[in-house]
Structures are given as structure tokens and as C-alpha cells.
């Protein structure tokens, strides 16, 4: 949990190179010659002030008479790092607005209920655009410390980006409903925030231009039904839903799934999650599908091993696909093939191996397997994550060597725990060298990378639509 929280805190935006600017201003104050900075146009000075920490921004009023009005006439950018809640409250009350970006992540709201009740109304009145609101529970039993977010948050009609952490979402049952509630909200992210099915439906109905939706380690709804004419990216990072259904999302380009089952936070059990894709004509990146815990439906069709693909069971628009599989379990290997047949035009395939060393080969299955369209004709880049060198993994790679006619690059990313001895590393290396001599296409390059060359997944990359491959390490 600690590493994930640190990753999350690193995700919060900062105010730019404020320290360097502050140093320049200080030098200007001590300079005995002509005050050239104060002679700059007010618009440029406001830009400088907006990039300073709030304490320094407010102090600029003492530089010279030309500066006195700048801070109050500059859209407020506030981060509470290093500030007491009382100081934050005073700044929010004193500045006339508008509020461009307010990032409050160091306040323990269980002890500041009055501020939590007042601030949403104040933020709404002063035109908040970018709001990060995190209940500081680091070092506490955060589940019991989560507090109820005031419903007045919905009065912030000017919001464009909202990030909530460690809250219970307000009950929306009795609230007015319509696209004019949050008409400008484009990004909604929730970190360890409790929200119900009907509250998510309410948000999707009230945010007509919402493009990005993220649940990160949150107590997500049991049923996540995506109905939105504007959504482009949905990130479910360590989620617990029983069903994720893309009901009607014509602009959705990316569905990024990391199931909580099997994560360090929750060991694997027998629970499953239904993944339904009914209407997503723009979907280009999907994963991680899990062969053991995910039941995939495309339209009205349940995807099962042995069912031949038809137009009604395929999503030809998907180009980037990620799957988790235990190659040592025959049922999962067959489900992997069933999944792959649903995406005939995938050009980049990521497979995370969950295989524990068993020695099982399943040679007959891979040798007799018939056509898999995407493997034979479209996959140009393949990445095997968490490779352990098991016989079942080798059999799959041999199948790829025979069938992947247009493959250009194969990355094999070694599992850290599998490198426990020099003898084991040598054995794995010999097998991979022998594998490289098989009948790969002439243009295929095989790259084996150790754990030290691999990076963790990042929230930023997963949700950044300018990144072509969100699953690349």
C-alpha cells in the first residue's frame, strides 16, 4: 500500500519551477539599479505570480507598488504542501478568485469537518477549475478514517478536473440530475474512495464532456456500467467490481483493467468478474484481461474455449491487447486462445505470465492449435511479462516462433523471483538461446531484459492518450 500511495502522491501536479522564479524575484528586490521586472506587462507578471508557491505569491505585494494588485487579480494556484489548514482557509477566503487549481492533500478532514463543509461552497463561488481533494490518512487505519464528501461538491460547475482521495462519495439519490450539473468536467479520478453503482451513474449523466474516468484502489461499484457519449479513457486500477460493462461509449479508446484479485493487497480467490463490451466502436487498447477470473462477453456472446470466431464475437478495432494467463493450467491456455480470436487485428500483444514452475508442457495443445488470426497476420510486437522459464511458457513461445509471420520484436521480461541462483539463470539462458534459433521470421528481434531494466506501471502513462502503448513497461 505504501508504494502505491507514494506513486499516487507523485501523480499530483506541481506548480512548475517556482523555486527558481522565487530566487529571481528575491534577487530583483535586492538589486539597486532599475527595476526592470516591475516594468513588465501585468499579464506576464501575473503568469510569474501564478507559478509561485502561494506564500511567495502573496508576498509579491510587498515588492513594489506595481505588484500590490497582482496576486489578488491572478487566478489562484494553491498547493497545501507545508501549509496549515488554517492558512489554507485564510487564503481561500481572502483571494477573490477565480481559482485555477487547488490541491489539498495534507489535511486530515476527520479533524476538520467545518473546513470540509465550507470549502466546496467557497470553491464553487470562485470558479474552481482543477481540484485535488485528498483526506490525509497516511499512517492511520484509512478505511475507518474515510469521511463523507459534502454534496456541495456538485455546485462546482466550473470544474474541469476532479481528483478525490480517501472519501466516501455523497449520496446522490435526492439530488437534481442533468448535464448542467458539472458541464465542464473532463477528468474524474478517485483514489481509495467508496462509491455506489447509482452514484457512478449519476456522475456519468451529469458530466456531458467527461473524457477520463479512473478508479485507483477504490471501493468501486459492484456494477460499473459505462454509458457516456464523451468518455475516451477508463482506468480501473486494483478494482473489485463484479461486472464491468461498456454499454454505450462510442468514443471510448482505452479500457485499462488491473483486477485487485491476485494483487499483493488481495490474494487470489475463486471470485470472477464479468467484462461486457456492447458498444465501443472506437476501442483501441484493452487489458489486462485475466484468463482465470474474467468472463468476457462481446455483445450478447459469451467467449469460451472452442467457439469459432464470428463477426459478432470480434472487436476488429482493438490494436493493443494485454492478457494475464497461467500457461501451466490447460483451461487458462485455452481461454487465452479464445480471447485472442476476439481481436483479429491486434498489432501489439502483452502477456503477463502467472505461471508457477510445474514442468507441464501442454505440447499437444500448442502443436495442434489451428489458426489464430492476430498471431499469424498482425502482431508485430509481443511482450512476455514475468517470464519464469517454465516448460509451458517455452511451448507457447515455440508456437509463436512457428506462427507469427509478421512479428518484428519479442521482449521477454524476466521474473525477479525466478532468478534465485546462478544455475537457474544459466538454465533459463540456455533455453532462451536455443529458442532464438527456431524458425522466427527473418526480421524478428528477440530481447531478454532483467528486472532491473523494467519499470512499474504508472497511472500517468495508463491514462495518457498520447502514449501509443499504455502497457509498455
Protein backbone atom coordinates (compact mmCIF):
# COMPACT_ATOMS: atom_id res chain seq x y z
CA UNK A 1 0.00 0.00 0.00
CA UNK A 2 2.81 2.45 0.91
CA UNK A 3 4.42 2.25 -2.54
CA UNK A 4 1.07 2.73 -4.26
CA UNK A 5 0.29 5.79 -2.14
CA UNK A 6 3.70 7.26 -2.93
CA UNK A 7 3.08 6.65 -6.64
CA UNK A 8 -0.25 8.39 -6.29
CA UNK A 9 1.28 11.39 -4.48
CA UNK A 10 3.87 11.70 -7.24
CA UNK A 11 0.98 11.93 -9.72
CA UNK A 12 -0.33 15.16 -8.20
CA UNK A 13 0.77 18.13 -10.36
CA UNK A 14 3.18 20.72 -9.01
CA UNK A 15 3.48 24.39 -9.64
CA UNK A 16 6.37 24.33 -12.07
CA UNK A 17 9.80 25.78 -11.47
CA UNK A 18 8.56 28.05 -8.69
CA UNK A 19 11.76 27.95 -6.62
CA UNK A 20 13.88 29.31 -9.44
CA UNK A 21 11.35 32.07 -10.13
CA UNK A 22 11.22 32.98 -6.43
CA UNK A 23 15.02 33.22 -6.33
CA UNK A 24 14.97 35.54 -9.34
CA UNK A 25 12.38 37.77 -7.67
CA UNK A 26 14.42 37.91 -4.48
CA UNK A 27 17.48 38.94 -6.47
CA UNK A 28 15.42 41.62 -8.17
CA UNK A 29 14.33 43.08 -4.80
CA UNK A 30 17.96 43.42 -3.64
CA UNK A 31 19.08 44.94 -6.93
CA UNK A 32 19.82 48.69 -6.56
CA UNK A 33 19.53 49.56 -10.22
CA UNK A 34 16.49 49.91 -12.46
CA UNK A 35 13.52 47.63 -11.55
CA UNK A 36 13.01 46.08 -14.97
CA UNK A 37 10.87 43.17 -13.73
CA UNK A 38 8.18 45.50 -12.37
CA UNK A 39 8.11 47.23 -15.74
CA UNK A 40 6.93 44.05 -17.45
CA UNK A 41 3.29 43.91 -18.64
CA UNK A 42 0.78 42.91 -15.98
CA UNK A 43 -0.24 39.78 -17.90
CA UNK A 44 3.34 38.49 -17.81
CA UNK A 45 3.72 39.37 -14.12
CA UNK A 46 0.51 37.51 -13.32
CA UNK A 47 1.91 34.50 -15.14
CA UNK A 48 5.01 34.66 -12.93
CA UNK A 49 2.96 35.04 -9.76
CA UNK A 50 0.71 32.10 -10.69
CA UNK A 51 3.76 29.79 -10.76
CA UNK A 52 4.96 30.67 -7.25
CA UNK A 53 4.12 28.84 -4.03
CA UNK A 54 1.15 30.63 -2.51
CA UNK A 55 3.19 32.13 0.35
CA UNK A 56 5.65 33.72 -2.08
CA UNK A 57 2.85 34.77 -4.42
CA UNK A 58 1.10 36.68 -1.65
CA UNK A 59 4.37 38.30 -0.56
CA UNK A 60 4.96 39.79 -4.01
CA UNK A 61 2.61 42.60 -2.96
CA UNK A 62 5.50 43.95 -0.88
CA UNK A 63 7.94 44.15 -3.78
CA UNK A 64 6.71 47.45 -5.21
CA UNK A 65 3.51 49.40 -5.69
CA UNK A 66 3.06 47.93 -9.16
CA UNK A 67 2.84 44.43 -7.61
CA UNK A 68 0.21 45.08 -4.94
CA UNK A 69 -2.80 44.18 -7.04
CA UNK A 70 -1.23 41.27 -8.95
CA UNK A 71 -1.76 38.37 -6.56
CA UNK A 72 -5.42 39.19 -5.97
CA UNK A 73 -6.03 39.61 -9.71
CA UNK A 74 -4.18 36.40 -10.66
CA UNK A 75 -6.17 33.14 -10.87
CA UNK A 76 -5.22 31.29 -7.70
CA UNK A 77 -2.99 28.22 -7.85
CA UNK A 78 -2.69 26.68 -4.39
CA UNK A 79 -0.98 23.57 -3.06
CA UNK A 80 -1.20 22.99 0.69
CA UNK A 81 2.26 21.39 0.94
CA UNK A 82 3.85 22.96 4.01
CA UNK A 83 0.71 24.92 4.93
CA UNK A 84 -1.54 24.56 7.97
CA UNK A 85 -5.29 24.11 7.30
CA UNK A 86 -5.85 27.50 8.94
CA UNK A 87 -3.55 29.15 6.40
CA UNK A 88 -5.30 27.38 3.52
CA UNK A 89 -8.67 28.56 4.86
CA UNK A 90 -7.45 32.14 5.07
CA UNK A 91 -6.05 32.11 1.53
CA UNK A 92 -9.25 30.66 0.09
CA UNK A 93 -11.31 33.30 1.91
CA UNK A 94 -9.07 36.27 1.08
CA UNK A 95 -8.44 35.65 -2.61
CA UNK A 96 -11.36 36.91 -4.76
CA UNK A 97 -10.88 34.26 -7.42
CA UNK A 98 -11.08 32.77 -9.89
CA UNK A 99 -9.45 29.60 -8.56
CA UNK A 100 -7.45 27.88 -11.29
CA UNK A 101 -6.01 24.93 -9.35
CA UNK A 102 -6.45 23.96 -5.69
CA UNK A 103 -4.57 20.90 -4.45
CA UNK A 104 -5.37 19.98 -0.84
CA UNK A 105 -3.71 16.70 0.12
CA UNK A 106 -2.28 17.35 3.61
CA UNK A 107 -5.47 17.92 5.62
CA UNK A 108 -6.92 15.24 7.90
CA UNK A 109 -10.59 16.08 7.38
CA UNK A 110 -11.76 13.84 10.22
CA UNK A 111 -10.41 16.63 12.44
CA UNK A 112 -11.51 19.50 10.19
CA UNK A 113 -15.16 18.81 9.44
CA UNK A 114 -16.02 22.52 9.45
CA UNK A 115 -13.50 23.26 6.70
CA UNK A 116 -14.69 20.30 4.66
CA UNK A 117 -18.25 21.62 4.87
CA UNK A 118 -17.27 25.19 3.93
CA UNK A 119 -14.65 24.74 1.23
CA UNK A 120 -16.79 23.19 -1.56
CA UNK A 121 -19.20 26.14 -1.40
CA UNK A 122 -16.28 28.57 -1.42
CA UNK A 123 -14.62 26.80 -4.33
CA UNK A 124 -17.88 26.81 -6.29
CA UNK A 125 -18.38 30.55 -5.74
CA UNK A 126 -14.88 31.34 -7.01
CA UNK A 127 -14.88 29.24 -10.18
CA UNK A 128 -12.57 26.33 -9.31
CA UNK A 129 -11.26 24.53 -12.41
CA UNK A 130 -8.76 21.95 -11.16
CA UNK A 131 -9.40 20.38 -7.73
CA UNK A 132 -7.37 17.71 -5.92
CA UNK A 133 -9.01 16.90 -2.60
CA UNK A 134 -7.38 14.17 -0.54
CA UNK A 135 -8.19 13.23 3.03
CA UNK A 136 -4.77 12.76 4.64
CA UNK A 137 -4.90 9.36 6.33
CA UNK A 138 -1.29 8.27 5.82
CA UNK A 139 -0.19 6.31 8.87
CA UNK A 140 -3.75 5.67 10.07
CA UNK A 141 -6.35 2.96 9.54
CA UNK A 142 -7.55 4.70 6.39
CA UNK A 143 -10.68 2.60 5.88
CA UNK A 144 -12.15 3.70 9.21
CA UNK A 145 -10.94 7.27 8.69
CA UNK A 146 -12.67 7.87 5.34
CA UNK A 147 -15.13 10.75 5.69
CA UNK A 148 -18.21 11.73 3.73
CA UNK A 149 -17.59 14.19 0.92
CA UNK A 150 -20.13 17.05 1.05
CA UNK A 151 -22.70 17.06 -1.75
CA UNK A 152 -21.85 20.74 -2.28
CA UNK A 153 -19.02 19.49 -4.46
CA UNK A 154 -21.64 19.28 -7.22
CA UNK A 155 -22.09 23.05 -7.04
CA UNK A 156 -18.62 23.48 -8.59
CA UNK A 157 -19.98 23.80 -12.12
CA UNK A 158 -16.71 25.28 -13.40
CA UNK A 159 -14.70 22.13 -12.56
CA UNK A 160 -12.66 20.63 -15.38
CA UNK A 161 -10.59 18.14 -13.36
CA UNK A 162 -11.51 16.46 -10.06
CA UNK A 163 -9.30 14.11 -8.06
CA UNK A 164 -10.68 12.64 -4.81
CA UNK A 165 -8.78 10.52 -2.29
CA UNK A 166 -9.89 8.63 0.82
CA UNK A 167 -13.53 9.78 0.88
CA UNK A 168 -16.99 8.30 0.87
CA UNK A 169 -18.86 9.64 -2.12
CA UNK A 170 -22.01 11.65 -1.26
CA UNK A 171 -25.43 10.06 -1.70
CA UNK A 172 -26.87 11.38 -4.96
CA UNK A 173 -30.32 9.78 -4.66
CA UNK A 174 -32.13 13.03 -3.83
CA UNK A 175 -30.08 15.40 -5.98
CA UNK A 176 -31.16 17.08 -9.18
CA UNK A 177 -29.91 15.36 -12.30
CA UNK A 178 -28.83 16.67 -15.69
CA UNK A 179 -25.89 17.63 -17.92
CA UNK A 180 -25.74 21.13 -16.42
CA UNK A 181 -24.51 19.90 -13.00
CA UNK A 182 -20.84 19.54 -14.00
CA UNK A 183 -20.92 20.69 -17.63
CA UNK A 184 -17.14 21.22 -17.99
CA UNK A 185 -15.69 18.25 -16.08
CA UNK A 186 -13.27 16.33 -18.31
CA UNK A 187 -11.35 14.19 -15.79
CA UNK A 188 -12.66 12.36 -12.72
CA UNK A 189 -10.28 10.26 -10.63
CA UNK A 190 -10.95 8.54 -7.31
CA UNK A 191 -8.25 7.06 -5.09
CA UNK A 192 -9.49 4.72 -2.32
CA UNK A 193 -12.89 6.36 -2.49
CA UNK A 194 -16.12 4.49 -1.75
CA UNK A 195 -18.81 4.98 -4.41
CA UNK A 196 -22.04 3.11 -5.20
CA UNK A 197 -23.48 1.99 -8.55
CA UNK A 198 -26.16 4.70 -8.71
CA UNK A 199 -23.67 7.43 -7.74
CA UNK A 200 -21.43 6.48 -10.68
CA UNK A 201 -24.45 6.51 -12.99
CA UNK A 202 -25.29 9.97 -11.64
CA UNK A 203 -21.79 11.28 -12.40
CA UNK A 204 -21.80 9.93 -15.95
CA UNK A 205 -25.22 11.51 -16.57
CA UNK A 206 -24.13 14.88 -15.13
CA UNK A 207 -20.79 15.19 -16.96
CA UNK A 208 -21.53 15.57 -20.69
CA UNK A 209 -17.87 16.19 -21.69
CA UNK A 210 -16.16 13.70 -19.33
CA UNK A 211 -13.21 12.12 -21.16
CA UNK A 212 -11.26 10.27 -18.45
CA UNK A 213 -12.58 8.19 -15.55
CA UNK A 214 -10.26 6.45 -13.07
CA UNK A 215 -10.76 4.27 -10.02
CA UNK A 216 -7.46 3.68 -8.23
CA UNK A 217 -7.53 1.21 -5.33
CA UNK A 218 -11.10 2.36 -4.75
CA UNK A 219 -14.06 0.52 -3.34
CA UNK A 220 -15.60 0.68 -6.80
CA UNK A 221 -19.26 -0.09 -7.53
CA UNK A 222 -20.23 -3.75 -7.84
CA UNK A 223 -21.57 -2.92 -11.30
CA UNK A 224 -19.61 -0.48 -13.44
CA UNK A 225 -21.88 0.31 -16.38
CA UNK A 226 -20.35 2.81 -18.77
CA UNK A 227 -22.87 4.96 -20.59
CA UNK A 228 -21.27 8.12 -21.93
CA UNK A 229 -21.10 9.87 -25.28
CA UNK A 230 -17.81 11.55 -24.32
CA UNK A 231 -15.66 9.01 -22.40
CA UNK A 232 -12.36 8.21 -24.10
CA UNK A 233 -10.34 6.52 -21.33
CA UNK A 234 -11.39 4.38 -18.36
CA UNK A 235 -8.77 3.26 -15.85
CA UNK A 236 -9.72 0.65 -13.23
CA UNK A 237 -6.60 0.12 -11.14
CA UNK A 238 -6.98 -2.60 -8.47
CA UNK A 239 -10.77 -2.64 -8.71
CA UNK A 240 -13.27 -5.01 -7.09
CA UNK A 241 -16.36 -4.83 -9.33
CA UNK A 242 -18.37 -7.94 -10.15
CA UNK A 243 -19.18 -6.58 -13.62
CA UNK A 244 -17.66 -4.02 -15.96
CA UNK A 245 -19.92 -3.30 -18.90
CA UNK A 246 -19.29 -0.89 -21.76
CA UNK A 247 -22.97 -0.36 -22.50
CA UNK A 248 -22.76 2.68 -24.76
CA UNK A 249 -19.44 4.52 -25.10
CA UNK A 250 -18.94 5.38 -28.78
CA UNK A 251 -15.73 7.41 -28.18
CA UNK A 252 -14.03 5.05 -25.71
CA UNK A 253 -10.48 4.38 -26.91
CA UNK A 254 -8.87 2.75 -23.88
CA UNK A 255 -10.09 0.39 -21.15
CA UNK A 256 -7.28 -0.33 -18.70
CA UNK A 257 -8.00 -3.05 -16.11
CA UNK A 258 -5.91 -4.20 -13.19
CA UNK A 259 -8.01 -6.55 -11.07
CA UNK A 260 -7.48 -6.48 -7.30
CA UNK A 261 -7.77 -10.28 -7.16
CA UNK A 262 -4.27 -11.69 -7.12
CA UNK A 263 -2.62 -8.38 -6.25
CA UNK A 264 -0.42 -8.05 -3.14
CA UNK A 265 -3.41 -6.37 -1.46
CA UNK A 266 -5.74 -9.32 -2.01
CA UNK A 267 -4.62 -12.90 -2.74
CA UNK A 268 -6.42 -14.80 -5.45
CA UNK A 269 -9.72 -16.46 -4.64
CA UNK A 270 -12.50 -18.02 -6.69
CA UNK A 271 -14.31 -14.75 -7.49
CA UNK A 272 -14.80 -13.75 -11.12
CA UNK A 273 -15.57 -10.53 -12.95
CA UNK A 274 -17.80 -10.19 -15.98
CA UNK A 275 -16.31 -7.97 -18.71
CA UNK A 276 -19.01 -6.97 -21.21
CA UNK A 277 -18.38 -4.90 -24.32
CA UNK A 278 -21.59 -3.98 -26.10
CA UNK A 279 -20.93 -0.65 -27.82
CA UNK A 280 -17.35 0.59 -28.12
CA UNK A 281 -16.62 1.13 -31.81
CA UNK A 282 -13.58 3.34 -31.08
CA UNK A 283 -11.88 0.96 -28.63
CA UNK A 284 -8.20 0.58 -29.50
CA UNK A 285 -6.49 -0.60 -26.27
CA UNK A 286 -7.84 -3.21 -23.84
CA UNK A 287 -6.31 -5.06 -20.91
CA UNK A 288 -5.40 -6.73 -18.72
CA UNK A 289 -7.92 -9.49 -19.41
CA UNK A 290 -7.40 -12.39 -16.99
CA UNK A 291 -8.00 -15.90 -18.24
CA UNK A 292 -8.85 -17.24 -14.78
CA UNK A 293 -11.01 -14.50 -13.26
CA UNK A 294 -12.56 -12.64 -16.21
CA UNK A 295 -15.60 -13.82 -18.13
CA UNK A 296 -15.63 -11.94 -21.43
CA UNK A 297 -18.83 -11.11 -23.28
CA UNK A 298 -18.87 -9.31 -26.64
CA UNK A 299 -22.35 -8.14 -27.44
CA UNK A 300 -24.62 -10.98 -26.34
CA UNK A 301 -21.94 -13.62 -26.87
CA UNK A 302 -20.05 -15.36 -24.06
CA UNK A 303 -16.46 -16.04 -25.12
CA UNK A 304 -15.48 -19.63 -24.31
CA UNK A 305 -12.77 -22.04 -25.47
CA UNK A 306 -13.61 -23.98 -28.59
CA UNK A 307 -16.12 -21.50 -30.02
CA UNK A 308 -15.15 -20.46 -33.54
CA UNK A 309 -14.92 -16.69 -34.07
CA UNK A 310 -17.67 -14.86 -35.95
CA UNK A 311 -18.17 -11.14 -36.70
CA UNK A 312 -20.44 -10.90 -33.66
CA UNK A 313 -17.69 -12.19 -31.32
CA UNK A 314 -14.87 -9.97 -32.57
CA UNK A 315 -13.65 -6.42 -31.92
CA UNK A 316 -11.55 -5.66 -35.01
CA UNK A 317 -10.68 -2.12 -33.90
CA UNK A 318 -8.55 -3.17 -30.91
CA UNK A 319 -4.82 -2.77 -31.69
CA UNK A 320 -3.23 -3.06 -28.22
CA UNK A 321 -4.19 -6.04 -26.06
CA UNK A 322 -2.91 -7.24 -22.69
CA UNK A 323 -3.75 -10.60 -21.09
CA UNK A 324 -2.75 -12.40 -17.86
CA UNK A 325 -2.52 -16.20 -18.05
CA UNK A 326 -1.13 -19.22 -16.22
CA UNK A 327 0.33 -21.29 -19.06
CA UNK A 328 0.62 -24.26 -16.71
CA UNK A 329 -3.17 -24.59 -16.46
CA UNK A 330 -4.70 -26.12 -19.58
CA UNK A 331 -8.04 -24.33 -19.09
CA UNK A 332 -6.33 -20.96 -18.98
CA UNK A 333 -4.19 -21.65 -22.05
CA UNK A 334 -7.36 -22.49 -23.98
CA UNK A 335 -9.08 -19.35 -22.71
CA UNK A 336 -6.10 -17.29 -23.86
CA UNK A 337 -6.64 -18.57 -27.39
CA UNK A 338 -10.37 -17.82 -27.13
CA UNK A 339 -9.57 -14.25 -26.09
CA UNK A 340 -7.03 -13.77 -28.88
CA UNK A 341 -9.53 -14.84 -31.52
CA UNK A 342 -11.81 -11.96 -30.50
CA UNK A 343 -9.22 -9.39 -31.57
CA UNK A 344 -8.09 -10.25 -35.10
CA UNK A 345 -6.21 -7.00 -35.81
CA UNK A 346 -4.06 -6.66 -32.70
CA UNK A 347 -0.58 -5.43 -33.60
CA UNK A 348 0.84 -5.21 -30.06
CA UNK A 349 0.29 -8.07 -27.62
CA UNK A 350 1.29 -8.09 -23.95
CA UNK A 351 1.06 -11.33 -21.99
CA UNK A 352 1.80 -11.45 -18.27
CA UNK A 353 2.69 -14.95 -17.19
CA UNK A 354 1.24 -16.04 -13.85
CA UNK A 355 2.77 -19.48 -14.29
CA UNK A 356 4.36 -21.20 -11.32
CA UNK A 357 7.00 -23.78 -12.32
CA UNK A 358 5.22 -27.09 -12.90
CA UNK A 359 7.06 -28.79 -15.76
CA UNK A 360 3.78 -29.21 -17.61
CA UNK A 361 4.30 -28.78 -21.32
CA UNK A 362 0.87 -28.92 -22.99
CA UNK A 363 2.87 -29.68 -26.13
CA UNK A 364 -0.02 -31.38 -27.90
CA UNK A 365 -2.35 -28.41 -27.43
CA UNK A 366 0.05 -25.86 -28.92
CA UNK A 367 1.21 -28.23 -31.69
CA UNK A 368 -2.33 -28.99 -32.89
CA UNK A 369 -3.75 -25.49 -32.45
CA UNK A 370 -5.38 -24.13 -35.60
CA UNK A 371 -5.29 -20.56 -36.89
CA UNK A 372 -5.17 -17.56 -34.56
CA UNK A 373 -5.62 -14.63 -36.94
CA UNK A 374 -3.91 -11.87 -34.97
CA UNK A 375 -0.83 -14.03 -34.19
CA UNK A 376 -0.34 -15.11 -37.78
CA UNK A 377 -1.04 -11.89 -39.65
CA UNK A 378 -0.99 -8.80 -37.44
CA UNK A 379 1.08 -8.96 -34.23
CA UNK A 380 4.32 -7.04 -34.80
CA UNK A 381 5.33 -6.52 -31.17
CA UNK A 382 4.92 -9.03 -28.36
CA UNK A 383 5.94 -8.66 -24.71
CA UNK A 384 6.05 -11.57 -22.26
CA UNK A 385 5.98 -10.15 -18.74
CA UNK A 386 7.13 -12.08 -15.63
CA UNK A 387 8.75 -14.91 -17.63
CA UNK A 388 9.87 -17.74 -15.34
CA UNK A 389 11.30 -20.22 -17.84
CA UNK A 390 8.68 -22.92 -17.24
CA UNK A 391 8.17 -25.63 -19.88
CA UNK A 392 4.62 -24.43 -20.54
CA UNK A 393 5.89 -20.92 -21.28
CA UNK A 394 8.52 -22.34 -23.66
CA UNK A 395 5.86 -24.31 -25.54
CA UNK A 396 3.88 -21.13 -26.11
CA UNK A 397 6.96 -19.31 -27.39
CA UNK A 398 7.69 -22.18 -29.76
CA UNK A 399 4.14 -21.89 -31.09
CA UNK A 400 4.74 -18.18 -31.65
CA UNK A 401 8.01 -18.91 -33.47
CA UNK A 402 6.15 -21.07 -35.98
CA UNK A 403 3.02 -18.97 -36.48
CA UNK A 404 3.90 -15.28 -36.01
CA UNK A 405 4.65 -14.38 -39.61
CA UNK A 406 4.92 -10.58 -39.23
CA UNK A 407 6.40 -10.40 -35.71
CA UNK A 408 9.21 -7.83 -35.56
CA UNK A 409 10.09 -7.64 -31.85
CA UNK A 410 9.69 -10.07 -28.97
CA UNK A 411 10.52 -8.80 -25.48
CA UNK A 412 10.98 -11.40 -22.73
CA UNK A 413 10.90 -9.71 -19.31
CA UNK A 414 12.30 -11.98 -16.62
CA UNK A 415 10.53 -12.50 -13.31
CA UNK A 416 12.67 -11.33 -10.39
CA UNK A 417 11.84 -14.25 -8.10
CA UNK A 418 12.86 -16.77 -10.75
CA UNK A 419 16.48 -15.57 -10.69
CA UNK A 420 17.29 -17.23 -7.37
CA UNK A 421 20.53 -18.96 -8.31
CA UNK A 422 23.31 -18.82 -10.86
CA UNK A 423 22.47 -22.36 -12.04
CA UNK A 424 18.83 -21.42 -12.64
CA UNK A 425 19.81 -18.30 -14.56
CA UNK A 426 22.17 -20.31 -16.76
CA UNK A 427 19.49 -22.92 -17.45
CA UNK A 428 16.98 -20.24 -18.41
CA UNK A 429 19.56 -18.51 -20.62
CA UNK A 430 20.41 -21.75 -22.46
CA UNK A 431 16.74 -22.39 -23.19
CA UNK A 432 16.19 -18.85 -24.49
CA UNK A 433 19.29 -19.08 -26.70
CA UNK A 434 18.01 -22.38 -28.13
CA UNK A 435 14.63 -20.76 -28.64
CA UNK A 436 16.17 -17.92 -30.63
CA UNK A 437 17.43 -20.46 -33.21
CA UNK A 438 13.93 -21.57 -34.12
CA UNK A 439 12.05 -20.58 -37.26
CA UNK A 440 11.25 -16.95 -36.40
CA UNK A 441 10.55 -14.54 -39.22
CA UNK A 442 13.72 -13.05 -40.71
CA UNK A 443 13.00 -9.57 -39.32
CA UNK A 444 12.19 -10.64 -35.74
CA UNK A 445 14.42 -9.45 -32.89
CA UNK A 446 14.32 -11.19 -29.51
CA UNK A 447 15.28 -9.12 -26.47
CA UNK A 448 15.61 -10.58 -22.96
CA UNK A 449 15.51 -7.99 -20.16
CA UNK A 450 16.25 -8.47 -16.49
CA UNK A 451 14.09 -6.99 -13.71
CA UNK A 452 16.43 -4.03 -13.22
CA UNK A 453 15.56 -2.74 -16.70
CA UNK A 454 11.81 -2.85 -16.10
CA UNK A 455 9.71 -0.06 -14.62
CA UNK A 456 6.48 -0.27 -12.68
CA UNK A 457 3.21 0.65 -14.34
CA UNK A 458 2.30 4.30 -13.94
CA UNK A 459 -1.09 5.95 -13.66
CA UNK A 460 0.09 8.77 -15.90
CA UNK A 461 1.02 6.54 -18.82
CA UNK A 462 -2.06 4.37 -18.50
CA UNK A 463 -4.36 7.39 -18.80
CA UNK A 464 -2.30 9.43 -21.29
CA UNK A 465 -3.95 9.03 -24.68
CA UNK A 466 -0.87 10.40 -26.42
CA UNK A 467 1.05 7.26 -25.31
CA UNK A 468 0.61 4.73 -28.08
CA UNK A 469 1.15 1.62 -25.96
CA UNK A 470 -0.13 2.07 -22.38
CA UNK A 471 1.03 -1.43 -21.37
CA UNK A 472 4.69 -0.89 -22.27
CA UNK A 473 6.85 -1.09 -19.15
